[in-house]
Every structure is written in structure tokens, then in C-alpha cells.
Amino acid sequence: MAFKTVTSEEGKTLYISLTGRFDITAHRDFIQAYKDKLDLVSKVVVDLAAVEYIDSSALGMLLILREKAGGEKADISLLNCSPDVTRIIQTVHFDKMFHLC
């Protein structure tokens, strides 16, 4: 799993792009992608366009991100989800906790 992290020009949005399989092997790198950055931004966008697989540990990592970003007040969007990823996210009702784009 490869990660790319960029903060918007105005510094209010953190963009995290993922590539490959989003599973337990990505845990450490995913945390590093946002660690020490959440206090500086008001929104997080996770781009899943290049994710070919997502499992339950990835869903757990998204929940941890949400909690660290402010819980229910967190503004987190999941961007460019494939139909398969969208189906998984909707099945576990994450579409109620995250914005799907």
C-alpha cells in the first residue's frame, strides 16, 4: 500500500491518497499519513480511487481516523470509491459517518 499526503494551499484540508490493498499491512503507514496533521486542518479527504481491496481492518482504521479527527464532528470524505468499495462502506453504514464522493 502506498500513501501520498498533501495539505491544501489554504491549509484547511488534508488529502490522503491510497494505492493498492487497504488492509492490516497498511496500519502503520496510514496512521503516519495523518499523525500530527489533524490539529492543523478542518477537513480530511481520503482518496480511494486506486484502492483495489478493502477489508475490515481498513474499516477499523477509518474509524480510528474519525475518532482522532473529532468523532461525530469530524469532516471526512471518502473520495472516488469503486463500486465494490462503495458497497462495503454502505453495507456497514459508514456512509452515515463519512461523506461519500
Protein backbone atom coordinates (compact mmCIF):
# COMPACT_ATOMS: atom_id res chain seq x y z
CA MET A 1 0.00 0.00 0.00
CA ALA A 2 1.35 3.38 -0.99
CA PHE A 3 0.25 6.67 0.54
CA LYS A 4 0.51 10.25 -0.60
CA THR A 5 -0.40 13.04 1.80
CA VAL A 6 -0.94 16.64 0.75
CA THR A 7 -2.33 19.63 2.61
CA SER A 8 -4.38 22.11 0.57
CA GLU A 9 -2.90 25.52 -0.24
CA GLU A 10 -5.05 27.25 2.34
CA GLY A 11 -4.02 24.56 4.84
CA LYS A 12 -7.54 23.54 5.83
CA THR A 13 -7.84 20.17 4.08
CA LEU A 14 -5.63 17.10 4.38
CA TYR A 15 -5.70 14.82 1.32
CA ILE A 16 -4.62 11.21 1.73
CA SER A 17 -4.35 9.11 -1.44
CA LEU A 18 -4.09 5.34 -1.13
CA THR A 19 -2.91 2.84 -3.71
CA GLY A 20 -3.22 -0.95 -3.65
CA ARG A 21 -4.71 -3.11 -0.92
CA PHE A 22 -6.11 -1.30 2.11
CA ASP A 23 -5.68 -3.94 4.81
CA ILE A 24 -3.86 -4.57 8.09
CA THR A 25 -0.45 -4.24 6.43
CA ALA A 26 -1.24 -0.55 5.85
CA HIS A 27 -1.95 0.26 9.51
CA ARG A 28 1.33 1.93 10.46
CA ASP A 29 1.65 3.89 7.21
CA PHE A 30 -1.98 5.04 7.33
CA ILE A 31 -1.54 6.43 10.84
CA GLN A 32 1.67 8.18 9.78
CA ALA A 33 -0.22 9.77 6.87
CA TYR A 34 -2.31 11.87 9.26
CA LYS A 35 -0.40 11.81 12.55
CA ASP A 36 0.49 15.33 13.74
CA LYS A 37 -1.58 16.87 10.93
CA LEU A 38 -5.17 16.65 12.18
CA ASP A 39 -4.85 19.60 14.57
CA LEU A 40 -3.86 21.79 11.63
CA VAL A 41 -6.81 21.02 9.31
CA SER A 42 -10.60 21.12 9.49
CA LYS A 43 -11.30 18.50 6.82
CA VAL A 44 -9.80 15.20 5.68
CA VAL A 45 -10.29 13.68 2.22
CA VAL A 46 -9.28 10.04 1.71
CA ASP A 47 -8.95 9.26 -2.00
CA LEU A 48 -9.67 5.58 -2.62
CA ALA A 49 -9.56 5.70 -6.44
CA ALA A 50 -6.55 3.39 -6.67
CA VAL A 51 -7.60 1.02 -3.88
CA GLU A 52 -8.18 -2.46 -5.26
CA TYR A 53 -9.19 -4.15 -2.00
CA ILE A 54 -10.51 -3.09 1.41
CA ASP A 55 -11.08 -5.30 4.44
CA SER A 56 -12.44 -4.99 7.97
CA SER A 57 -9.12 -3.78 9.38
CA ALA A 58 -9.21 -0.88 6.90
CA LEU A 59 -12.70 -0.03 8.11
CA GLY A 60 -11.32 -0.01 11.64
CA MET A 61 -8.52 2.33 10.55
CA LEU A 62 -11.09 4.71 9.09
CA LEU A 63 -12.94 4.67 12.43
CA ILE A 64 -9.71 5.47 14.26
CA LEU A 65 -9.09 8.36 11.85
CA ARG A 66 -12.61 9.64 12.51
CA GLU A 67 -12.11 9.48 16.27
CA LYS A 68 -8.73 11.25 16.10
CA ALA A 69 -10.24 13.92 13.80
CA GLY A 70 -13.03 14.82 16.23
CA GLY A 71 -15.50 11.94 16.30
CA GLU A 72 -19.02 12.92 15.27
CA LYS A 73 -17.84 16.44 14.45
CA ALA A 74 -15.15 15.19 12.06
CA ASP A 75 -15.44 16.24 8.42
CA ILE A 76 -14.07 13.27 6.48
CA SER A 77 -14.83 12.44 2.86
CA LEU A 78 -14.12 9.15 1.12
CA LEU A 79 -13.45 10.07 -2.48
CA ASN A 80 -13.55 8.03 -5.71
CA CYS A 81 -14.72 4.74 -4.20
CA SER A 82 -15.08 1.86 -6.65
CA PRO A 83 -18.50 0.19 -6.80
CA ASP A 84 -17.18 -2.70 -4.68
CA VAL A 85 -15.73 -0.40 -2.02
CA THR A 86 -18.90 1.71 -2.02
CA ARG A 87 -20.99 -1.43 -1.47
CA ILE A 88 -18.85 -2.45 1.52
CA ILE A 89 -18.99 1.05 3.01
CA GLN A 90 -22.75 1.20 2.61
CA THR A 91 -23.24 -2.33 3.98
CA VAL A 92 -21.56 -1.37 7.26
CA HIS A 93 -23.33 2.04 7.25
CA PHE A 94 -20.12 4.05 7.06
CA ASP A 95 -21.94 6.29 4.58
CA LYS A 96 -23.64 7.70 7.69
CA MET A 97 -20.29 8.62 9.31
CA PHE A 98 -18.29 9.68 6.27
CA HIS A 99 -19.14 11.73 3.19
CA LEU A 100 -19.01 9.57 0.06
CA CYS A 101 -17.92 11.42 -3.06
